[in-house]
Amino acid sequence: MAKSWYIVHTHTGFENKVKSTLEERIKLAGQEDLFGEILVPTEQVVEMVKGARKTSERKFFPGYILVNMEMNERSWHTVQETPRVTGFVGINMSQAGADKDIYKKIPSLTDKEADKILGRIADGANKPKPKVVFAEGDAVRVIDGPFANFQGVIEEVFPDKGRVRVMVSIFGRSTPVELEYIQVSKN
């Protein structure tokens, strides 16, 4: 049987701990052949902190991990009995009761869904995203560069470039200034 991707619900904030604990449990049970990768879906985000550019990691599905596995009773128990795992997405464990074949009813991700999530993980690692998303009409303050401390309103957003055009008032006259996302903060 081939491996498929499954989404596992965990306690929020414990995704990395669940991942490492599950990897240990797999080794101890000698089930390496039943499991592939275990991923915590994250992306890199960039922000300005005290005038310096800071890159950090952000989980884009807090409370969930992805597990590539061959689903059977043994592998299901290994995951399900891992501390801080609350269940698989797509099945209500409280209603499962004594159904010993519950693992057969757990839906896996389609190839298209899995590729989309894996692509987002890869893109997030290669191209850091801004921590804050901007929209036209947002009131902002410039926090970096020659226009630092100027207030303005976003006139246009260029998400592909990670830039915004802000209308700032210079000597009483509205002037368009193009800035990077990390050079502005929302008021």
Protein backbone atom coordinates (compact mmCIF):
# COMPACT_ATOMS: atom_id res chain seq x y z
CA MET A 1 0.00 0.00 0.00
CA ALA A 2 1.25 3.49 -0.87
CA LYS A 3 1.83 6.29 1.60
CA SER A 4 -0.53 9.28 1.65
CA TRP A 5 -0.56 12.62 3.44
CA TYR A 6 -2.81 13.00 6.47
CA ILE A 7 -3.50 16.05 8.63
CA VAL A 8 -3.16 15.40 12.34
CA HIS A 9 -4.69 17.75 14.92
CA THR A 10 -2.46 18.57 17.90
CA HIS A 11 -2.59 20.87 20.89
CA THR A 12 -1.70 24.34 19.59
CA GLY A 13 1.86 25.31 20.42
CA PHE A 14 3.02 21.69 20.69
CA GLU A 15 3.35 20.90 16.96
CA ASN A 16 7.16 20.54 17.04
CA LYS A 17 7.03 18.48 20.24
CA VAL A 18 4.39 16.16 18.73
CA LYS A 19 6.55 15.79 15.60
CA SER A 20 9.66 14.77 17.56
CA THR A 21 7.70 12.49 19.92
CA LEU A 22 5.99 10.79 16.97
CA GLU A 23 9.35 10.28 15.23
CA GLU A 24 10.70 8.60 18.41
CA ARG A 25 7.60 6.39 18.71
CA ILE A 26 7.96 5.29 15.07
CA LYS A 27 11.60 4.28 15.65
CA LEU A 28 10.81 2.44 18.89
CA ALA A 29 7.96 0.54 17.20
CA GLY A 30 10.15 -0.31 14.19
CA GLN A 31 7.60 1.27 11.83
CA GLU A 32 9.95 3.37 9.70
CA ASP A 33 8.64 1.55 6.60
CA LEU A 34 5.07 2.78 7.31
CA PHE A 35 5.97 6.46 7.64
CA GLY A 36 7.53 9.12 5.43
CA GLU A 37 7.98 12.77 6.29
CA ILE A 38 6.33 14.49 9.24
CA LEU A 39 6.01 18.24 8.71
CA VAL A 40 4.97 21.27 10.73
CA PRO A 41 3.71 23.67 8.02
CA THR A 42 5.66 26.91 8.47
CA GLU A 43 6.78 29.89 6.41
CA GLN A 44 9.41 32.56 6.90
CA VAL A 45 8.15 36.07 7.73
CA VAL A 46 10.06 39.36 7.77
CA GLU A 47 9.42 42.33 10.04
CA MET A 48 11.26 45.40 11.31
CA VAL A 49 12.22 45.19 14.99
CA LYS A 50 14.05 48.18 16.50
CA GLY A 51 15.18 49.32 13.07
CA ALA A 52 16.58 45.93 12.06
CA ARG A 53 15.16 43.41 9.62
CA LYS A 54 14.18 40.23 11.50
CA THR A 55 13.20 36.94 9.90
CA SER A 56 11.20 34.46 11.92
CA GLU A 57 9.15 31.33 11.36
CA ARG A 58 5.35 31.32 11.50
CA LYS A 59 3.08 28.28 11.50
CA PHE A 60 0.38 28.73 8.90
CA PHE A 61 -1.75 25.87 10.28
CA PRO A 62 -1.34 26.25 14.06
CA GLY A 63 -2.47 23.08 15.84
CA TYR A 64 -1.84 20.78 12.88
CA ILE A 65 0.98 18.67 11.44
CA LEU A 66 1.22 16.74 8.18
CA VAL A 67 2.11 13.05 8.30
CA ASN A 68 3.03 11.00 5.25
CA MET A 69 2.12 7.44 6.14
CA GLU A 70 0.68 4.13 5.08
CA MET A 71 -2.62 3.99 6.95
CA ASN A 72 -3.28 0.75 8.80
CA GLU A 73 -4.29 -0.18 12.33
CA ARG A 74 -0.69 -0.22 13.64
CA SER A 75 0.32 3.12 12.12
CA TRP A 76 -2.99 4.72 13.16
CA HIS A 77 -2.44 3.65 16.79
CA THR A 78 1.13 4.96 16.75
CA VAL A 79 -0.10 8.43 15.75
CA GLN A 80 -3.34 8.43 17.73
CA GLU A 81 -1.64 7.43 21.00
CA THR A 82 1.08 10.09 20.74
CA PRO A 83 0.79 12.61 23.59
CA ARG A 84 -0.91 15.90 22.60
CA VAL A 85 -2.45 14.42 19.43
CA THR A 86 -6.20 14.97 19.44
CA GLY A 87 -6.98 13.07 16.24
CA PHE A 88 -6.97 13.07 12.47
CA VAL A 89 -8.74 15.74 10.44
CA GLY A 90 -11.85 14.40 8.75
CA ILE A 91 -13.04 12.03 11.47
CA ASN A 92 -14.80 12.80 14.75
CA MET A 93 -13.02 10.65 17.33
CA SER A 94 -15.66 11.25 20.01
CA GLN A 95 -18.24 9.59 17.76
CA ALA A 96 -15.92 6.78 16.68
CA GLY A 97 -16.62 4.83 19.86
CA ALA A 98 -15.74 1.16 19.59
CA ASP A 99 -15.34 1.19 15.78
CA LYS A 100 -12.11 -0.82 15.49
CA ASP A 101 -11.86 -0.05 11.75
CA ILE A 102 -12.08 3.72 12.23
CA TYR A 103 -8.67 4.18 10.61
CA LYS A 104 -10.15 2.99 7.26
CA LYS A 105 -12.52 5.98 7.26
CA ILE A 106 -9.86 8.70 7.69
CA PRO A 107 -9.55 10.74 4.50
CA SER A 108 -6.09 11.48 3.14
CA LEU A 109 -5.19 14.65 1.28
CA THR A 110 -5.58 14.53 -2.48
CA ASP A 111 -2.36 14.87 -4.48
CA LYS A 112 -3.46 18.38 -5.50
CA GLU A 113 -4.10 19.44 -1.86
CA ALA A 114 -0.80 17.94 -0.69
CA ASP A 115 1.15 19.60 -3.52
CA LYS A 116 -0.42 22.97 -2.70
CA ILE A 117 0.54 22.77 1.00
CA LEU A 118 4.04 21.38 0.28
CA GLY A 119 4.54 24.14 -2.31
CA ARG A 120 3.54 26.77 0.23
CA ILE A 121 6.04 25.32 2.73
CA ALA A 122 8.81 25.40 0.08
CA ASP A 123 7.90 28.96 -1.05
CA GLY A 124 7.76 30.14 2.56
CA ALA A 125 11.29 28.86 3.16
CA ASN A 126 12.70 30.42 -0.03
CA LYS A 127 10.89 33.77 -0.12
CA PRO A 128 10.13 35.27 3.30
CA LYS A 129 6.74 37.00 3.46
CA PRO A 130 5.94 40.17 5.34
CA LYS A 131 4.46 39.54 8.76
CA VAL A 132 1.73 42.14 8.15
CA VAL A 133 -0.53 42.25 5.09
CA PHE A 134 -1.51 45.66 3.76
CA ALA A 135 -4.52 46.90 1.80
CA GLU A 136 -5.32 50.10 -0.09
CA GLY A 137 -6.60 52.79 2.27
CA ASP A 138 -4.67 51.52 5.33
CA ALA A 139 -3.23 54.31 7.49
CA VAL A 140 0.48 53.63 8.05
CA ARG A 141 3.60 55.13 9.58
CA VAL A 142 6.95 54.89 7.82
CA ILE A 143 9.41 53.23 10.22
CA ASP A 144 12.55 52.96 8.09
CA GLY A 145 14.39 54.92 5.42
CA PRO A 146 14.50 58.63 4.54
CA PHE A 147 10.77 59.08 5.24
CA ALA A 148 10.89 57.52 8.73
CA ASN A 149 8.19 58.85 11.09
CA PHE A 150 6.03 60.21 8.24
CA GLN A 151 2.36 59.20 8.35
CA GLY A 152 0.45 58.26 5.23
CA VAL A 153 -2.23 56.23 3.51
CA ILE A 154 -1.57 53.27 1.23
CA GLU A 155 -2.59 54.13 -2.31
CA GLU A 156 -1.51 50.89 -3.99
CA VAL A 157 -0.18 47.46 -2.96
CA PHE A 158 2.32 45.44 -5.04
CA PRO A 159 2.23 41.98 -3.36
CA ASP A 160 4.50 40.34 -5.98
CA LYS A 161 7.23 42.91 -5.20
CA GLY A 162 6.53 43.19 -1.46
CA ARG A 163 6.08 46.95 -1.85
CA VAL A 164 3.42 49.60 -1.26
CA ARG A 165 2.84 53.11 -2.62
CA VAL A 166 2.12 55.42 0.30
CA MET A 167 0.82 58.98 0.01
CA VAL A 168 2.76 61.02 2.56
CA SER A 169 2.41 64.72 3.26
CA ILE A 170 5.68 66.55 2.59
CA PHE A 171 5.53 70.33 3.17
CA GLY A 172 1.73 70.18 3.07
CA ARG A 173 1.68 68.41 -0.29
CA SER A 174 0.61 64.77 -0.83
CA THR A 175 3.50 62.86 -2.40
CA PRO A 176 3.57 59.20 -3.49
CA VAL A 177 6.45 57.18 -2.02
CA GLU A 178 7.13 53.54 -2.90
CA LEU A 179 8.37 51.51 0.07
CA GLU A 180 9.01 47.89 1.06
CA TYR A 181 6.43 46.24 3.33
CA ILE A 182 8.89 46.14 6.20
CA GLN A 183 9.47 49.90 5.99
CA VAL A 184 5.90 50.67 7.13
CA SER A 185 3.67 49.68 10.04
CA LYS A 186 -0.07 49.98 10.47
CA ASN A 187 -1.24 52.80 12.74
